[in-house]
C-alpha atoms as a PDB file:
ATOM      1  CA  MET A   1     -26.004  29.259 -14.812  1.00  0.00           C
ATOM      2  CA  ARG A   2     -23.297  29.089 -17.513  1.00  0.00           C
ATOM      3  CA  ARG A   3     -20.629  28.569 -14.871  1.00  0.00           C
ATOM      4  CA  THR A   4     -22.673  25.738 -13.386  1.00  0.00           C
ATOM      5  CA  LEU A   5     -23.127  24.124 -16.800  1.00  0.00           C
ATOM      6  CA  ARG A   6     -19.396  24.375 -17.493  1.00  0.00           C
ATOM      7  CA  SER A   7     -18.645  22.740 -14.130  1.00  0.00           C
ATOM      8  CA  VAL A   8     -21.088  19.928 -14.834  1.00  0.00           C
ATOM      9  CA  ALA A   9     -19.635  19.426 -18.318  1.00  0.00           C
ATOM     10  CA  LEU A  10     -16.113  19.260 -16.871  1.00  0.00           C
ATOM     11  CA  ILE A  11     -17.171  16.705 -14.258  1.00  0.00           C
ATOM     12  CA  VAL A  12     -18.728  14.556 -16.977  1.00  0.00           C
ATOM     13  CA  ALA A  13     -15.839  15.019 -19.424  1.00  0.00           C
ATOM     14  CA  LEU A  14     -12.942  14.114 -17.126  1.00  0.00           C
ATOM     15  CA  PRO A  15     -13.948  10.458 -16.560  1.00  0.00           C
ATOM     16  CA  LEU A  16     -14.622  10.128 -20.293  1.00  0.00           C
ATOM     17  CA  VAL A  17     -11.191  11.525 -21.165  1.00  0.00           C
ATOM     18  CA  TYR A  18      -9.600   9.176 -18.611  1.00  0.00           C
ATOM     19  CA  PHE A  19     -11.441   6.204 -20.146  1.00  0.00           C
ATOM     20  CA  LEU A  20     -10.532   7.121 -23.722  1.00  0.00           C
ATOM     21  CA  ALA A  21      -6.909   7.700 -22.734  1.00  0.00           C
ATOM     22  CA  SER A  22      -6.823   4.255 -21.106  1.00  0.00           C
ATOM     23  CA  ILE A  23      -7.940   2.714 -24.409  1.00  0.00           C
ATOM     24  CA  ALA A  24      -5.339   4.605 -26.422  1.00  0.00           C
ATOM     25  CA  GLY A  25      -2.670   3.831 -23.826  1.00  0.00           C
ATOM     26  CA  ALA A  26      -3.416   0.119 -24.056  1.00  0.00           C
ATOM     27  CA  LEU A  27      -2.935   0.093 -27.835  1.00  0.00           C
ATOM     28  CA  ILE A  28       0.144   2.313 -28.092  1.00  0.00           C
ATOM     29  CA  PRO A  29       3.243   0.209 -27.339  1.00  0.00           C
ATOM     30  CA  GLY A  30       5.356   1.559 -24.515  1.00  0.00           C
ATOM     31  CA  PRO A  31       9.158   1.682 -24.565  1.00  0.00           C
ATOM     32  CA  GLY A  32      11.004  -1.514 -23.768  1.00  0.00           C
ATOM     33  CA  GLN A  33      14.003  -3.572 -24.757  1.00  0.00           C
ATOM     34  CA  ASP A  34      13.646  -6.450 -27.197  1.00  0.00           C
ATOM     35  CA  LEU A  35      14.177  -9.672 -25.252  1.00  0.00           C
ATOM     36  CA  SER A  36      12.020 -11.846 -27.460  1.00  0.00           C
ATOM     37  CA  GLY A  37      13.076 -15.406 -28.150  1.00  0.00           C
ATOM     38  CA  ARG A  38      11.970 -18.980 -27.728  1.00  0.00           C
ATOM     39  CA  HIS A  39       9.292 -19.296 -25.075  1.00  0.00           C
ATOM     40  CA  THR A  40      10.672 -21.266 -22.137  1.00  0.00           C
ATOM     41  CA  GLN A  41       8.701 -19.850 -19.196  1.00  0.00           C
ATOM     42  CA  THR A  42       5.060 -19.100 -18.415  1.00  0.00           C
ATOM     43  CA  ILE A  43       3.603 -16.605 -15.949  1.00  0.00           C
ATOM     44  CA  GLY A  44       0.001 -15.982 -14.998  1.00  0.00           C
ATOM     45  CA  LEU A  45      -2.000 -12.771 -14.681  1.00  0.00           C
ATOM     46  CA  ILE A  46      -5.050 -12.968 -12.432  1.00  0.00           C
ATOM     47  CA  GLN A  47      -7.621 -10.194 -12.219  1.00  0.00           C
ATOM     48  CA  GLY A  48     -10.265  -8.899  -9.903  1.00  0.00           C
ATOM     49  CA  PRO A  49     -12.674  -6.115 -10.887  1.00  0.00           C
ATOM     50  CA  ILE A  50     -10.023  -3.384 -10.427  1.00  0.00           C
ATOM     51  CA  HIS A  51      -6.709  -5.139  -9.788  1.00  0.00           C
ATOM     52  CA  THR A  52      -4.263  -7.455 -11.579  1.00  0.00           C
ATOM     53  CA  ASP A  53      -1.681  -9.724  -9.923  1.00  0.00           C
ATOM     54  CA  ILE A  54       1.300 -11.564 -11.391  1.00  0.00           C
ATOM     55  CA  LEU A  55       1.655 -15.308 -10.792  1.00  0.00           C
ATOM     56  CA  LEU A  56       5.070 -16.981 -10.829  1.00  0.00           C
ATOM     57  CA  PRO A  57       5.408 -20.783 -10.883  1.00  0.00           C
ATOM     58  CA  LEU A  58       6.918 -21.940  -7.597  1.00  0.00           C
ATOM     59  CA  THR A  59      10.032 -23.592  -8.932  1.00  0.00           C
ATOM     60  CA  PRO A  60      12.987 -24.255  -6.609  1.00  0.00           C
ATOM     61  CA  GLY A  61      14.608 -21.107  -7.964  1.00  0.00           C
ATOM     62  CA  ILE A  62      11.588 -18.928  -7.117  1.00  0.00           C
ATOM     63  CA  ARG A  63      11.340 -20.480  -3.656  1.00  0.00           C
ATOM     64  CA  ALA A  64      14.969 -19.597  -3.034  1.00  0.00           C
ATOM     65  CA  ARG A  65      14.671 -16.110  -4.492  1.00  0.00           C
ATOM     66  CA  PHE A  66      11.675 -15.188  -2.313  1.00  0.00           C
ATOM     67  CA  ALA A  67      12.731 -17.218   0.733  1.00  0.00           C
ATOM     68  CA  PHE A  68      12.558 -14.058   2.882  1.00  0.00           C
ATOM     69  CA  ALA A  69       8.745 -14.251   2.682  1.00  0.00           C
ATOM     70  CA  GLU A  70       8.640 -17.460   4.739  1.00  0.00           C
ATOM     71  CA  ALA A  71       9.461 -15.489   7.895  1.00  0.00           C
ATOM     72  CA  SER A  72       6.367 -13.320   7.244  1.00  0.00           C
ATOM     73  CA  GLY A  73       4.058 -16.324   6.925  1.00  0.00           C
ATOM     74  CA  VAL A  74       4.068 -17.004   3.174  1.00  0.00           C
ATOM     75  CA  PRO A  75       4.472 -20.825   2.976  1.00  0.00           C
ATOM     76  CA  LEU A  76       6.535 -21.064  -0.196  1.00  0.00           C
ATOM     77  CA  ASN A  77       7.919 -24.467   0.781  1.00  0.00           C
ATOM     78  CA  ASP A  78       4.536 -26.030   1.461  1.00  0.00           C
ATOM     79  CA  PRO A  79       4.292 -28.970  -0.967  1.00  0.00           C
ATOM     80  CA  ARG A  80       0.755 -27.867  -1.848  1.00  0.00           C
ATOM     81  CA  ALA A  81       1.971 -24.442  -3.033  1.00  0.00           C
ATOM     82  CA  ALA A  82       2.292 -24.165  -6.820  1.00  0.00           C
ATOM     83  CA  TRP A  83       2.257 -20.422  -7.581  1.00  0.00           C
ATOM     84  CA  LEU A  84       3.583 -17.225  -6.010  1.00  0.00           C
ATOM     85  CA  LEU A  85       1.217 -14.273  -6.323  1.00  0.00           C
ATOM     86  CA  VAL A  86       2.847 -10.835  -6.568  1.00  0.00           C
ATOM     87  CA  GLY A  87       0.710  -7.714  -6.424  1.00  0.00           C
ATOM     88  CA  TRP A  88       1.395  -3.986  -5.976  1.00  0.00           C
ATOM     89  CA  GLY A  89      -0.896  -1.246  -4.762  1.00  0.00           C
ATOM     90  CA  ALA A  90      -1.603   1.759  -2.548  1.00  0.00           C
ATOM     91  CA  THR A  91      -0.791   1.135   1.102  1.00  0.00           C
ATOM     92  CA  GLY A  92      -4.006   2.519   2.590  1.00  0.00           C
ATOM     93  CA  PHE A  93      -6.323   1.097  -0.071  1.00  0.00           C
ATOM     94  CA  TYR A  94      -4.656  -2.231  -0.815  1.00  0.00           C
ATOM     95  CA  THR A  95      -4.172  -3.319   2.786  1.00  0.00           C
ATOM     96  CA  THR A  96      -7.848  -2.740   3.673  1.00  0.00           C
ATOM     97  CA  ALA A  97      -9.474  -4.082   0.516  1.00  0.00           C
ATOM     98  CA  GLY A  98     -10.030  -7.664   1.604  1.00  0.00           C
ATOM     99  CA  THR A  99     -13.616  -7.080   0.516  1.00  0.00           C
ATOM    100  CA  TYR A 100     -15.121  -3.972  -1.040  1.00  0.00           C
ATOM    101  CA  ALA A 101     -17.129  -3.448   2.149  1.00  0.00           C
ATOM    102  CA  ASP A 102     -13.831  -2.852   3.962  1.00  0.00           C
ATOM    103  CA  ILE A 103     -12.791   0.080   1.781  1.00  0.00           C
ATOM    104  CA  THR A 104     -13.124   3.518   3.352  1.00  0.00           C
ATOM    105  CA  ALA A 105     -13.693   6.790   1.531  1.00  0.00           C
ATOM    106  CA  SER A 106     -10.485   8.197   2.999  1.00  0.00           C
ATOM    107  CA  ALA A 107      -8.470   5.263   1.638  1.00  0.00           C
ATOM    108  CA  VAL A 108      -9.938   5.816  -1.827  1.00  0.00           C
ATOM    109  CA  LEU A 109      -9.189   9.549  -1.709  1.00  0.00           C
ATOM    110  CA  THR A 110      -5.636   8.990  -0.481  1.00  0.00           C
ATOM    111  CA  ALA A 111      -5.014   6.432  -3.222  1.00  0.00           C
ATOM    112  CA  ALA A 112      -6.341   8.811  -5.873  1.00  0.00           C
ATOM    113  CA  ILE A 113      -4.253  11.820  -4.885  1.00  0.00           C
ATOM    114  CA  GLY A 114      -1.145   9.947  -3.731  1.00  0.00           C
ATOM    115  CA  ASP A 115      -0.098   7.204  -1.332  1.00  0.00           C
ATOM    116  CA  THR A 116       2.906   5.037  -0.558  1.00  0.00           C
ATOM    117  CA  SER A 117       2.902   1.533  -2.012  1.00  0.00           C
ATOM    118  CA  VAL A 118       3.185  -2.060  -0.887  1.00  0.00           C
ATOM    119  CA  LEU A 119       3.762  -5.436  -2.497  1.00  0.00           C
ATOM    120  CA  ARG A 120       1.633  -8.410  -1.545  1.00  0.00           C
ATOM    121  CA  LEU A 121       2.946 -11.970  -1.746  1.00  0.00           C
ATOM    122  CA  ASP A 122       0.789 -15.066  -1.410  1.00  0.00           C
ATOM    123  CA  ALA A 123       1.306 -18.778  -2.011  1.00  0.00           C
ATOM    124  CA  LEU A 124      -1.407 -20.466  -4.077  1.00  0.00           C
ATOM    125  CA  GLY A 125      -2.101 -24.080  -4.906  1.00  0.00           C
ATOM    126  CA  PRO A 126      -2.913 -25.471  -8.361  1.00  0.00           C
ATOM    127  CA  LEU A 127      -5.074 -23.028 -10.315  1.00  0.00           C
ATOM    128  CA  PRO A 128      -8.501 -24.010 -11.636  1.00  0.00           C
ATOM    129  CA  ASP A 129      -9.716 -22.814 -15.011  1.00  0.00           C
ATOM    130  CA  MET A 130     -11.251 -19.378 -14.559  1.00  0.00           C
ATOM    131  CA  PRO A 131     -12.059 -16.513 -16.943  1.00  0.00           C
ATOM    132  CA  GLU A 132     -10.054 -13.967 -14.938  1.00  0.00           C
ATOM    133  CA  LEU A 133      -6.829 -15.978 -15.355  1.00  0.00           C
ATOM    134  CA  THR A 134      -4.469 -15.487 -18.305  1.00  0.00           C
ATOM    135  CA  PHE A 135      -1.183 -17.246 -19.012  1.00  0.00           C
ATOM    136  CA  LEU A 136       1.590 -15.436 -20.849  1.00  0.00           C
ATOM    137  CA  PRO A 137       4.577 -17.288 -22.358  1.00  0.00           C
ATOM    138  CA  LEU A 138       7.977 -15.589 -22.003  1.00  0.00           C
ATOM    139  CA  SER A 139      11.463 -16.090 -23.286  1.00  0.00           C
ATOM    140  CA  GLY A 140      14.134 -16.972 -20.748  1.00  0.00           C
ATOM    141  CA  ALA A 141      15.580 -13.449 -21.018  1.00  0.00           C
ATOM    142  CA  GLN A 142      12.160 -11.836 -20.451  1.00  0.00           C
ATOM    143  CA  TYR A 143      11.539 -14.011 -17.412  1.00  0.00           C
ATOM    144  CA  GLN A 144      14.884 -13.264 -15.798  1.00  0.00           C
ATOM    145  CA  SER A 145      14.436  -9.553 -16.486  1.00  0.00           C
ATOM    146  CA  LEU A 146      10.954  -9.704 -14.924  1.00  0.00           C
ATOM    147  CA  LEU A 147      12.391 -11.234 -11.749  1.00  0.00           C
ATOM    148  CA  THR A 148      15.061  -8.529 -11.610  1.00  0.00           C
ATOM    149  CA  THR A 149      12.405  -5.836 -12.025  1.00  0.00           C
ATOM    150  CA  LEU A 150      10.280  -7.331  -9.244  1.00  0.00           C
ATOM    151  CA  ASP A 151      13.338  -7.510  -6.965  1.00  0.00           C
ATOM    152  CA  ALA A 152      13.936  -3.793  -7.499  1.00  0.00           C
ATOM    153  CA  THR A 153      10.354  -2.966  -6.468  1.00  0.00           C
ATOM    154  CA  PHE A 154      10.868  -4.065  -2.856  1.00  0.00           C
ATOM    155  CA  ALA A 155      11.945  -1.392  -0.384  1.00  0.00           C
ATOM    156  CA  ARG A 156      14.831  -2.874   1.593  1.00  0.00           C
ATOM    157  CA  ASP A 157      16.352  -2.470   5.028  1.00  0.00           C
ATOM    158  CA  ALA A 158      20.003  -1.765   5.822  1.00  0.00           C
ATOM    159  CA  SER A 159      20.893  -5.434   5.376  1.00  0.00           C
ATOM    160  CA  GLY A 160      19.281  -5.527   1.927  1.00  0.00           C
ATOM    161  CA  LEU A 161      16.220  -7.578   2.868  1.00  0.00           C
ATOM    162  CA  PRO A 162      12.665  -6.574   1.826  1.00  0.00           C
ATOM    163  CA  ARG A 163      10.875  -4.779   4.653  1.00  0.00           C
ATOM    164  CA  PRO A 164       7.649  -6.496   5.790  1.00  0.00           C
ATOM    165  CA  LEU A 165       4.672  -4.304   6.632  1.00  0.00           C
ATOM    166  CA  ASP A 166       3.306  -4.724  10.148  1.00  0.00           C
ATOM    167  CA  HIS A 167      -0.217  -5.346   8.944  1.00  0.00           C
ATOM    168  CA  PRO A 168      -2.295  -8.519   8.629  1.00  0.00           C
ATOM    169  CA  GLY A 169      -2.852  -9.972   5.179  1.00  0.00           C
ATOM    170  CA  PHE A 170      -6.102 -11.155   3.629  1.00  0.00           C
ATOM    171  CA  THR A 171      -5.437 -14.872   4.040  1.00  0.00           C
ATOM    172  CA  ASP A 172      -3.432 -17.236   6.217  1.00  0.00           C
ATOM    173  CA  THR A 173      -0.743 -17.429   3.547  1.00  0.00           C
ATOM    174  CA  ASP A 174      -0.019 -13.841   2.443  1.00  0.00           C
ATOM    175  CA  ALA A 175       2.004 -10.860   3.630  1.00  0.00           C
ATOM    176  CA  PHE A 176       2.596  -7.222   2.670  1.00  0.00           C
ATOM    177  CA  PHE A 177       5.994  -5.631   2.093  1.00  0.00           C
ATOM    178  CA  HIS A 178       7.010  -1.986   1.704  1.00  0.00           C
ATOM    179  CA  ALA A 179       7.534  -1.101  -1.966  1.00  0.00           C
ATOM    180  CA  ASN A 180       9.252   1.564  -4.005  1.00  0.00           C
ATOM    181  CA  GLY A 181       7.235   4.107  -5.969  1.00  0.00           C
ATOM    182  CA  GLY A 182       4.090   6.072  -5.208  1.00  0.00           C
ATOM    183  CA  PHE A 183       0.495   5.256  -6.101  1.00  0.00           C
ATOM    184  CA  HIS A 184      -1.969   7.768  -7.527  1.00  0.00           C
ATOM    185  CA  LEU A 185      -4.801   8.028 -10.023  1.00  0.00           C
ATOM    186  CA  PHE A 186      -2.416   8.006 -12.977  1.00  0.00           C
ATOM    187  CA  ARG A 187      -0.097   5.325 -11.559  1.00  0.00           C
ATOM    188  CA  THR A 188      -2.457   2.571 -10.487  1.00  0.00           C
ATOM    189  CA  CYS A 189      -1.702  -1.077  -9.818  1.00  0.00           C
ATOM    190  CA  ASN A 190      -2.490  -1.832 -13.464  1.00  0.00           C
ATOM    191  CA  VAL A 191      -0.152   0.930 -14.661  1.00  0.00           C
ATOM    192  CA  TRP A 192       2.541  -0.612 -12.442  1.00  0.00           C
ATOM    193  CA  LEU A 193       1.831  -3.980 -14.046  1.00  0.00           C
ATOM    194  CA  GLY A 194       2.304  -2.582 -17.549  1.00  0.00           C
ATOM    195  CA  LYS A 195       5.492  -0.751 -16.602  1.00  0.00           C
ATOM    196  CA  THR A 196       6.867  -3.878 -14.921  1.00  0.00           C
ATOM    197  CA  LEU A 197       6.165  -6.048 -17.956  1.00  0.00           C
ATOM    198  CA  ARG A 198       7.651  -3.507 -20.373  1.00  0.00           C
ATOM    199  CA  ALA A 199      10.776  -3.170 -18.205  1.00  0.00           C
ATOM    200  CA  ALA A 200      11.185  -6.922 -18.622  1.00  0.00           C
ATOM    201  CA  GLY A 201      11.068  -6.638 -22.408  1.00  0.00           C
ATOM    202  CA  ILE A 202       7.451  -7.824 -22.656  1.00  0.00           C
ATOM    203  CA  PRO A 203       5.434  -5.761 -25.189  1.00  0.00           C
ATOM    204  CA  PHE A 204       2.620  -3.860 -23.488  1.00  0.00           C
ATOM    205  CA  GLY A 205       0.615  -0.652 -23.745  1.00  0.00           C
ATOM    206  CA  ILE A 206       2.150   2.586 -22.569  1.00  0.00           C
ATOM    207  CA  TRP A 207      -0.619   3.387 -20.026  1.00  0.00           C
ATOM    208  CA  THR A 208      -3.074   0.796 -18.674  1.00  0.00           C
ATOM    209  CA  PRO A 209      -4.801   2.166 -15.563  1.00  0.00           C
ATOM    210  CA  THR A 210      -7.756  -0.263 -15.486  1.00  0.00           C
ATOM    211  CA  THR A 211      -8.264  -4.006 -15.799  1.00  0.00           C
ATOM    212  CA  GLN A 212     -10.148  -3.329 -19.025  1.00  0.00           C
ATOM    213  CA  SER A 213      -7.123  -1.581 -20.524  1.00  0.00           C
ATOM    214  CA  VAL A 214      -4.878  -4.425 -19.332  1.00  0.00           C
ATOM    215  CA  ASN A 215      -7.115  -6.918 -21.126  1.00  0.00           C
ATOM    216  CA  LEU A 216      -7.141  -4.770 -24.247  1.00  0.00           C
ATOM    217  CA  SER A 217      -3.348  -4.503 -24.171  1.00  0.00           C
ATOM    218  CA  LEU A 218      -2.992  -8.273 -23.755  1.00  0.00           C
ATOM    219  CA  TRP A 219      -5.300  -8.875 -26.701  1.00  0.00           C
ATOM    220  CA  TRP A 220      -3.618  -6.256 -28.894  1.00  0.00           C
ATOM    221  CA  HIS A 221      -0.001  -7.149 -28.164  1.00  0.00           C
ATOM    222  CA  HIS A 222      -0.256 -10.846 -27.246  1.00  0.00           C
ATOM    223  CA  GLY A 223      -3.568 -12.057 -28.637  1.00  0.00           C
ATOM    224  CA  ASP A 224      -2.044 -15.039 -30.397  1.00  0.00           C
ATOM    225  CA  GLN A 225       0.031 -16.109 -27.382  1.00  0.00           C
ATOM    226  CA  THR A 226      -2.135 -15.802 -24.265  1.00  0.00           C
ATOM    227  CA  GLY A 227      -4.105 -18.728 -23.027  1.00  0.00           C
END
């Protein structure tokens, strides 16, 4: 009986510890270079229940930088396109999660214990006001460092081009690409987001595994800047 009670207590305690650690990790600033300065650029962060994507304004420079995505069906040069969505996640989970009904138990288990990763690119039109959308102002140095960090996340072929994944996207305008780095329970898409922002000199929490911890980190470190 005591062994059973200890097992039950452990099962209950682990999610609680994970949750509390995600709160602490959102508040504790992670390491990063100081690239602060006058705000000259703005990016967006858009969230679903468990995932956060980065939005880059589709300027001529961004269209040129991500021109490789056109061949995979991402219409960056469509005059209606205004934003480039960039997301990262577990290969098995992310590529099947068009809706939550599509997600299989095996994909969830693989993501939790360890999976390869992919990047998803999509071209979006003008963005309506929505509660799950946040805008973050950056200095020119932060923005350029962010682009460099995103470039380094793509797995590349022998010619140096990002490698597209032979898998359909969720929309008529998106595509998946092989990415560097593994996905697991302690390195989720939201942890990747935090690490990517910090690598670009953008203050952020040291460990943000959930959308709730991302929101907390945004409020704590950028509450007077986000909009």
